[in-house]
Amino acid sequence: MSAKQTQRRLKTFLWGCSLVVATVGTGCQSHIGGQILPSPYYHEDDVQYFAPGSEFPLAEEAAAMQADKADGRDRNF
């Protein structure tokens, strides 16, 4: 094997290694459990807190409609 060929193989190997390191080190998207997650650090993020509340999203509107119906005012739109 000539020196040029050895040098070319070494250069190709080093470029390949740097490409693998860059791909792994950037935290690219991943597909885990049917979800596309933004990075490998997604699972280490803190959990968001949602205050407990009514399961029915229109609770205030339903209460207003019941109050109107009790007062005898029926709004049919």
PDB file of N, CA and C in Angstrom:
ATOM      1  N   MET A   1       0.845  -1.165   0.000  1.00  0.00           N
ATOM      2  CA  MET A   1       0.000   0.000   0.000  1.00  0.00           C
ATOM      3  C   MET A   1       0.896   1.234   0.000  1.00  0.00           C
ATOM      4  N   SER A   2       0.540   2.192  -0.813  1.00  0.00           N
ATOM      5  CA  SER A   2       1.367   3.389  -0.918  1.00  0.00           C
ATOM      6  C   SER A   2       1.020   4.372   0.198  1.00  0.00           C
ATOM      7  N   ALA A   3       1.872   5.344   0.360  1.00  0.00           N
ATOM      8  CA  ALA A   3       1.670   6.342   1.412  1.00  0.00           C
ATOM      9  C   ALA A   3       0.435   7.190   1.127  1.00  0.00           C
ATOM     10  N   LYS A   4       0.188   7.503  -0.162  1.00  0.00           N
ATOM     11  CA  LYS A   4      -0.991   8.297  -0.515  1.00  0.00           C
ATOM     12  C   LYS A   4      -2.280   7.546  -0.194  1.00  0.00           C
ATOM     13  N   GLN A   5      -2.300   6.265  -0.488  1.00  0.00           N
ATOM     14  CA  GLN A   5      -3.495   5.465  -0.235  1.00  0.00           C
ATOM     15  C   GLN A   5      -3.739   5.351   1.273  1.00  0.00           C
ATOM     16  N   THR A   6      -2.690   5.168   2.044  1.00  0.00           N
ATOM     17  CA  THR A   6      -2.811   5.088   3.496  1.00  0.00           C
ATOM     18  C   THR A   6      -3.320   6.410   4.054  1.00  0.00           C
ATOM     19  N   GLN A   7      -2.796   7.504   3.525  1.00  0.00           N
ATOM     20  CA  GLN A   7      -3.213   8.824   3.981  1.00  0.00           C
ATOM     21  C   GLN A   7      -4.688   9.081   3.631  1.00  0.00           C
ATOM     22  N   ARG A   8      -5.116   8.656   2.458  1.00  0.00           N
ATOM     23  CA  ARG A   8      -6.500   8.839   2.046  1.00  0.00           C
ATOM     24  C   ARG A   8      -7.435   8.018   2.935  1.00  0.00           C
ATOM     25  N   ARG A   9      -7.058   6.789   3.247  1.00  0.00           N
ATOM     26  CA  ARG A   9      -7.890   5.953   4.121  1.00  0.00           C
ATOM     27  C   ARG A   9      -7.986   6.550   5.522  1.00  0.00           C
ATOM     28  N   LEU A  10      -6.877   7.064   6.021  1.00  0.00           N
ATOM     29  CA  LEU A  10      -6.875   7.685   7.346  1.00  0.00           C
ATOM     30  C   LEU A  10      -7.776   8.921   7.351  1.00  0.00           C
ATOM     31  N   LYS A  11      -7.678   9.726   6.307  1.00  0.00           N
ATOM     32  CA  LYS A  11      -8.495  10.930   6.206  1.00  0.00           C
ATOM     33  C   LYS A  11      -9.981  10.563   6.120  1.00  0.00           C
ATOM     34  N   THR A  12     -10.311   9.547   5.345  1.00  0.00           N
ATOM     35  CA  THR A  12     -11.699   9.101   5.222  1.00  0.00           C
ATOM     36  C   THR A  12     -12.214   8.572   6.556  1.00  0.00           C
ATOM     37  N   PHE A  13     -11.397   7.814   7.254  1.00  0.00           N
ATOM     38  CA  PHE A  13     -11.774   7.282   8.561  1.00  0.00           C
ATOM     39  C   PHE A  13     -12.014   8.414   9.559  1.00  0.00           C
ATOM     40  N   LEU A  14     -11.141   9.404   9.580  1.00  0.00           N
ATOM     41  CA  LEU A  14     -11.295  10.518  10.516  1.00  0.00           C
ATOM     42  C   LEU A  14     -12.542  11.351  10.194  1.00  0.00           C
ATOM     43  N   TRP A  15     -12.817  11.563   8.904  1.00  0.00           N
ATOM     44  CA  TRP A  15     -14.035  12.275   8.516  1.00  0.00           C
ATOM     45  C   TRP A  15     -15.274  11.482   8.944  1.00  0.00           C
ATOM     46  N   GLY A  16     -15.239  10.181   8.781  1.00  0.00           N
ATOM     47  CA  GLY A  16     -16.358   9.335   9.200  1.00  0.00           C
ATOM     48  C   GLY A  16     -16.581   9.398  10.703  1.00  0.00           C
ATOM     49  N   CYS A  17     -15.477   9.327  11.458  1.00  0.00           N
ATOM     50  CA  CYS A  17     -15.589   9.419  12.921  1.00  0.00           C
ATOM     51  C   CYS A  17     -16.145  10.771  13.350  1.00  0.00           C
ATOM     52  N   SER A  18     -15.672  11.839  12.724  1.00  0.00           N
ATOM     53  CA  SER A  18     -16.161  13.172  13.088  1.00  0.00           C
ATOM     54  C   SER A  18     -17.637  13.332  12.725  1.00  0.00           C
ATOM     55  N   LEU A  19     -18.069  12.715  11.636  1.00  0.00           N
ATOM     56  CA  LEU A  19     -19.478  12.767  11.254  1.00  0.00           C
ATOM     57  C   LEU A  19     -20.351  12.040  12.279  1.00  0.00           C
ATOM     58  N   VAL A  20     -19.897  10.889  12.743  1.00  0.00           N
ATOM     59  CA  VAL A  20     -20.643  10.136  13.759  1.00  0.00           C
ATOM     60  C   VAL A  20     -20.714  10.928  15.060  1.00  0.00           C
ATOM     61  N   VAL A  21     -19.596  11.510  15.475  1.00  0.00           N
ATOM     62  CA  VAL A  21     -19.573  12.293  16.716  1.00  0.00           C
ATOM     63  C   VAL A  21     -20.488  13.510  16.600  1.00  0.00           C
ATOM     64  N   ALA A  22     -20.466  14.177  15.458  1.00  0.00           N
ATOM     65  CA  ALA A  22     -21.326  15.351  15.264  1.00  0.00           C
ATOM     66  C   ALA A  22     -22.798  14.963  15.268  1.00  0.00           C
ATOM     67  N   THR A  23     -23.133  13.841  14.670  1.00  0.00           N
ATOM     68  CA  THR A  23     -24.529  13.397  14.622  1.00  0.00           C
ATOM     69  C   THR A  23     -25.034  13.024  16.008  1.00  0.00           C
ATOM     70  N   VAL A  24     -24.234  12.301  16.761  1.00  0.00           N
ATOM     71  CA  VAL A  24     -24.642  11.869  18.100  1.00  0.00           C
ATOM     72  C   VAL A  24     -24.631  13.043  19.075  1.00  0.00           C
ATOM     73  N   GLY A  25     -23.688  13.938  18.927  1.00  0.00           N
ATOM     74  CA  GLY A  25     -23.528  15.031  19.877  1.00  0.00           C
ATOM     75  C   GLY A  25     -24.496  16.183  19.722  1.00  0.00           C
ATOM     76  N   THR A  26     -25.207  16.276  18.625  1.00  0.00           N
ATOM     77  CA  THR A  26     -26.092  17.425  18.419  1.00  0.00           C
ATOM     78  C   THR A  26     -27.469  17.236  19.011  1.00  0.00           C
ATOM     79  N   GLY A  27     -27.840  16.069  19.424  1.00  0.00           N
ATOM     80  CA  GLY A  27     -29.152  15.845  20.021  1.00  0.00           C
ATOM     81  C   GLY A  27     -30.270  15.936  19.005  1.00  0.00           C
ATOM     82  N   CYS A  28     -30.161  15.209  17.939  1.00  0.00           N
ATOM     83  CA  CYS A  28     -31.160  15.266  16.875  1.00  0.00           C
ATOM     84  C   CYS A  28     -32.446  14.570  17.319  1.00  0.00           C
ATOM     85  N   GLN A  29     -33.488  14.726  16.529  1.00  0.00           N
ATOM     86  CA  GLN A  29     -34.777  14.139  16.869  1.00  0.00           C
ATOM     87  C   GLN A  29     -34.695  12.619  16.900  1.00  0.00           C
ATOM     88  N   SER A  30     -35.551  12.034  17.723  1.00  0.00           N
ATOM     89  CA  SER A  30     -35.596  10.582  17.817  1.00  0.00           C
ATOM     90  C   SER A  30     -37.054  10.123  17.831  1.00  0.00           C
ATOM     91  N   HIS A  31     -37.268   8.898  17.457  1.00  0.00           N
ATOM     92  CA  HIS A  31     -38.606   8.305  17.391  1.00  0.00           C
ATOM     93  C   HIS A  31     -38.677   7.225  18.464  1.00  0.00           C
ATOM     94  N   ILE A  32     -39.381   7.530  19.566  1.00  0.00           N
ATOM     95  CA  ILE A  32     -39.457   6.609  20.696  1.00  0.00           C
ATOM     96  C   ILE A  32     -40.921   6.398  21.059  1.00  0.00           C
ATOM     97  N   GLY A  33     -41.357   5.174  21.097  1.00  0.00           N
ATOM     98  CA  GLY A  33     -42.708   4.836  21.531  1.00  0.00           C
ATOM     99  C   GLY A  33     -43.800   5.476  20.701  1.00  0.00           C
ATOM    100  N   GLY A  34     -43.581   5.621  19.416  1.00  0.00           N
ATOM    101  CA  GLY A  34     -44.591   6.196  18.550  1.00  0.00           C
ATOM    102  C   GLY A  34     -44.634   7.714  18.555  1.00  0.00           C
ATOM    103  N   GLN A  35     -43.699   8.348  19.279  1.00  0.00           N
ATOM    104  CA  GLN A  35     -43.650   9.804  19.331  1.00  0.00           C
ATOM    105  C   GLN A  35     -42.348  10.291  18.728  1.00  0.00           C
ATOM    106  N   ILE A  36     -42.394  11.443  18.078  1.00  0.00           N
ATOM    107  CA  ILE A  36     -41.161  12.076  17.623  1.00  0.00           C
ATOM    108  C   ILE A  36     -40.767  13.068  18.702  1.00  0.00           C
ATOM    109  N   LEU A  37     -39.683  12.794  19.378  1.00  0.00           N
ATOM    110  CA  LEU A  37     -39.226  13.630  20.474  1.00  0.00           C
ATOM    111  C   LEU A  37     -38.133  14.576  19.988  1.00  0.00           C
ATOM    112  N   PRO A  38     -38.081  15.782  20.540  1.00  0.00           N
ATOM    113  CA  PRO A  38     -37.163  16.785  20.025  1.00  0.00           C
ATOM    114  C   PRO A  38     -35.687  16.485  20.247  1.00  0.00           C
ATOM    115  N   SER A  39     -35.332  15.826  21.309  1.00  0.00           N
ATOM    116  CA  SER A  39     -33.929  15.527  21.559  1.00  0.00           C
ATOM    117  C   SER A  39     -33.834  14.380  22.566  1.00  0.00           C
ATOM    118  N   PRO A  40     -32.638  13.822  22.736  1.00  0.00           N
ATOM    119  CA  PRO A  40     -32.485  12.758  23.728  1.00  0.00           C
ATOM    120  C   PRO A  40     -32.685  13.247  25.160  1.00  0.00           C
ATOM    121  N   TYR A  41     -32.630  14.557  25.383  1.00  0.00           N
ATOM    122  CA  TYR A  41     -32.770  15.105  26.729  1.00  0.00           C
ATOM    123  C   TYR A  41     -34.220  15.416  27.074  1.00  0.00           C
ATOM    124  N   TYR A  42     -35.148  15.004  26.218  1.00  0.00           N
ATOM    125  CA  TYR A  42     -36.569  15.287  26.421  1.00  0.00           C
ATOM    126  C   TYR A  42     -37.079  14.662  27.724  1.00  0.00           C
ATOM    127  N   HIS A  43     -36.663  13.465  28.026  1.00  0.00           N
ATOM    128  CA  HIS A  43     -37.149  12.771  29.222  1.00  0.00           C
ATOM    129  C   HIS A  43     -36.547  13.328  30.504  1.00  0.00           C
ATOM    130  N   GLU A  44     -35.479  14.098  30.416  1.00  0.00           N
ATOM    131  CA  GLU A  44     -34.857  14.672  31.603  1.00  0.00           C
ATOM    132  C   GLU A  44     -35.462  16.025  31.961  1.00  0.00           C
ATOM    133  N   ASP A  45     -36.366  16.537  31.138  1.00  0.00           N
ATOM    134  CA  ASP A  45     -36.984  17.832  31.373  1.00  0.00           C
ATOM    135  C   ASP A  45     -37.957  17.732  32.538  1.00  0.00           C
ATOM    136  N   ASP A  46     -38.166  18.872  33.233  1.00  0.00           N
ATOM    137  CA  ASP A  46     -39.083  18.871  34.359  1.00  0.00           C
ATOM    138  C   ASP A  46     -40.527  18.726  33.877  1.00  0.00           C
ATOM    139  N   VAL A  47     -41.352  18.180  34.754  1.00  0.00           N
ATOM    140  CA  VAL A  47     -42.745  17.922  34.420  1.00  0.00           C
ATOM    141  C   VAL A  47     -43.535  19.212  34.606  1.00  0.00           C
ATOM    142  N   GLN A  48     -44.378  19.529  33.645  1.00  0.00           N
ATOM    143  CA  GLN A  48     -45.205  20.726  33.773  1.00  0.00           C
ATOM    144  C   GLN A  48     -46.359  20.438  34.720  1.00  0.00           C
ATOM    145  N   TYR A  49     -46.743  21.462  35.456  1.00  0.00           N
ATOM    146  CA  TYR A  49     -47.824  21.319  36.423  1.00  0.00           C
ATOM    147  C   TYR A  49     -49.102  21.929  35.863  1.00  0.00           C
ATOM    148  N   PHE A  50     -50.164  21.185  35.912  1.00  0.00           N
ATOM    149  CA  PHE A  50     -51.467  21.684  35.527  1.00  0.00           C
ATOM    150  C   PHE A  50     -52.347  21.682  36.776  1.00  0.00           C
ATOM    151  N   ALA A  51     -52.850  22.845  37.147  1.00  0.00           N
ATOM    152  CA  ALA A  51     -53.665  22.969  38.354  1.00  0.00           C
ATOM    153  C   ALA A  51     -54.936  22.133  38.218  1.00  0.00           C
ATOM    154  N   PRO A  52     -55.361  21.497  39.307  1.00  0.00           N
ATOM    155  CA  PRO A  52     -56.582  20.700  39.232  1.00  0.00           C
ATOM    156  C   PRO A  52     -57.787  21.609  38.978  1.00  0.00           C
ATOM    157  N   GLY A  53     -58.664  21.152  38.158  1.00  0.00           N
ATOM    158  CA  GLY A  53     -59.842  21.951  37.830  1.00  0.00           C
ATOM    159  C   GLY A  53     -60.949  21.060  37.314  1.00  0.00           C
ATOM    160  N   SER A  54     -61.957  21.694  36.810  1.00  0.00           N
ATOM    161  CA  SER A  54     -63.106  20.964  36.294  1.00  0.00           C
ATOM    162  C   SER A  54     -62.724  20.221  35.021  1.00  0.00           C
ATOM    163  N   GLU A  55     -63.223  19.031  34.888  1.00  0.00           N
ATOM    164  CA  GLU A  55     -62.977  18.257  33.673  1.00  0.00           C
ATOM    165  C   GLU A  55     -63.789  18.809  32.508  1.00  0.00           C
ATOM    166  N   PHE A  56     -64.897  19.454  32.842  1.00  0.00           N
ATOM    167  CA  PHE A  56     -65.771  20.016  31.813  1.00  0.00           C
ATOM    168  C   PHE A  56     -65.260  21.411  31.457  1.00  0.00           C
ATOM    169  N   PRO A  57     -64.849  21.653  30.218  1.00  0.00           N
ATOM    170  CA  PRO A  57     -64.219  22.926  29.880  1.00  0.00           C
ATOM    171  C   PRO A  57     -65.179  24.119  29.852  1.00  0.00           C
ATOM    172  N   LEU A  58     -66.469  23.876  29.776  1.00  0.00           N
ATOM    173  CA  LEU A  58     -67.435  24.971  29.684  1.00  0.00           C
ATOM    174  C   LEU A  58     -68.287  25.069  30.945  1.00  0.00           C
ATOM    175  N   ALA A  59     -67.675  24.916  32.110  1.00  0.00           N
ATOM    176  CA  ALA A  59     -68.421  24.896  33.365  1.00  0.00           C
ATOM    177  C   ALA A  59     -69.114  26.232  33.622  1.00  0.00           C
ATOM    178  N   GLU A  60     -68.428  27.343  33.371  1.00  0.00           N
ATOM    179  CA  GLU A  60     -69.034  28.657  33.620  1.00  0.00           C
ATOM    180  C   GLU A  60     -70.212  28.912  32.682  1.00  0.00           C
ATOM    181  N   GLU A  61     -70.078  28.518  31.430  1.00  0.00           N
ATOM    182  CA  GLU A  61     -71.156  28.713  30.473  1.00  0.00           C
ATOM    183  C   GLU A  61     -72.373  27.865  30.840  1.00  0.00           C
ATOM    184  N   ALA A  62     -72.131  26.628  31.272  1.00  0.00           N
ATOM    185  CA  ALA A  62     -73.235  25.749  31.669  1.00  0.00           C
ATOM    186  C   ALA A  62     -73.943  26.302  32.903  1.00  0.00           C
ATOM    187  N   ALA A  63     -73.181  26.848  33.851  1.00  0.00           N
ATOM    188  CA  ALA A  63     -73.791  27.439  35.047  1.00  0.00           C
ATOM    189  C   ALA A  63     -74.623  28.661  34.680  1.00  0.00           C
ATOM    190  N   ALA A  64     -74.139  29.474  33.750  1.00  0.00           N
ATOM    191  CA  ALA A  64     -74.895  30.656  33.311  1.00  0.00           C
ATOM    192  C   ALA A  64     -76.181  30.240  32.607  1.00  0.00           C
ATOM    193  N   MET A  65     -76.122  29.188  31.805  1.00  0.00           N
ATOM    194  CA  MET A  65     -77.318  28.713  31.111  1.00  0.00           C
ATOM    195  C   MET A  65     -78.351  28.180  32.102  1.00  0.00           C
ATOM    196  N   GLN A  66     -77.893  27.469  33.130  1.00  0.00           N
ATOM    197  CA  GLN A  66     -78.818  26.960  34.141  1.00  0.00           C
ATOM    198  C   GLN A  66     -79.439  28.103  34.937  1.00  0.00           C
ATOM    199  N   ALA A  67     -78.640  29.131  35.242  1.00  0.00           N
ATOM    200  CA  ALA A  67     -79.171  30.287  35.971  1.00  0.00           C
ATOM    201  C   ALA A  67     -80.205  31.023  35.129  1.00  0.00           C
ATOM    202  N   ASP A  68     -79.933  31.172  33.839  1.00  0.00           N
ATOM    203  CA  ASP A  68     -80.900  31.816  32.944  1.00  0.00           C
ATOM    204  C   ASP A  68     -82.188  31.009  32.858  1.00  0.00           C
ATOM    205  N   LYS A  69     -82.055  29.703  32.786  1.00  0.00           N
ATOM    206  CA  LYS A  69     -83.235  28.836  32.686  1.00  0.00           C
ATOM    207  C   LYS A  69     -84.053  28.904  33.977  1.00  0.00           C
ATOM    208  N   ALA A  70     -83.366  29.005  35.132  1.00  0.00           N
ATOM    209  CA  ALA A  70     -84.065  29.097  36.407  1.00  0.00           C
ATOM    210  C   ALA A  70     -84.795  30.435  36.533  1.00  0.00           C
ATOM    211  N   ASP A  71     -84.243  31.500  35.937  1.00  0.00           N
ATOM    212  CA  ASP A  71     -84.879  32.822  35.977  1.00  0.00           C
ATOM    213  C   ASP A  71     -85.992  32.954  34.949  1.00  0.00           C
ATOM    214  N   GLY A  72     -86.147  31.988  34.100  1.00  0.00           N
ATOM    215  CA  GLY A  72     -87.189  32.035  33.086  1.00  0.00           C
ATOM    216  C   GLY A  72     -86.726  32.669  31.787  1.00  0.00           C
ATOM    217  N   ARG A  73     -85.465  32.998  31.697  1.00  0.00           N
ATOM    218  CA  ARG A  73     -84.928  33.571  30.458  1.00  0.00           C
ATOM    219  C   ARG A  73     -84.280  32.443  29.672  1.00  0.00           C
ATOM    220  N   ASP A  74     -84.863  32.106  28.577  1.00  0.00           N
ATOM    221  CA  ASP A  74     -84.314  31.038  27.741  1.00  0.00           C
ATOM    222  C   ASP A  74     -83.750  31.666  26.478  1.00  0.00           C
ATOM    223  N   ARG A  75     -82.460  31.587  26.313  1.00  0.00           N
ATOM    224  CA  ARG A  75     -81.801  32.176  25.147  1.00  0.00           C
ATOM    225  C   ARG A  75     -81.562  31.094  24.103  1.00  0.00           C
ATOM    226  N   ASN A  76     -82.320  31.125  23.078  1.00  0.00           N
ATOM    227  CA  ASN A  76     -82.113  30.190  21.970  1.00  0.00           C
ATOM    228  C   ASN A  76     -81.493  30.956  20.818  1.00  0.00           C
ATOM    229  N   PHE A  77     -80.289  30.658  20.533  1.00  0.00           N
ATOM    230  CA  PHE A  77     -79.579  31.353  19.449  1.00  0.00           C
ATOM    231  C   PHE A  77     -79.722  30.594  18.176  1.00  0.00           C
TER     232      PHE A  77
END
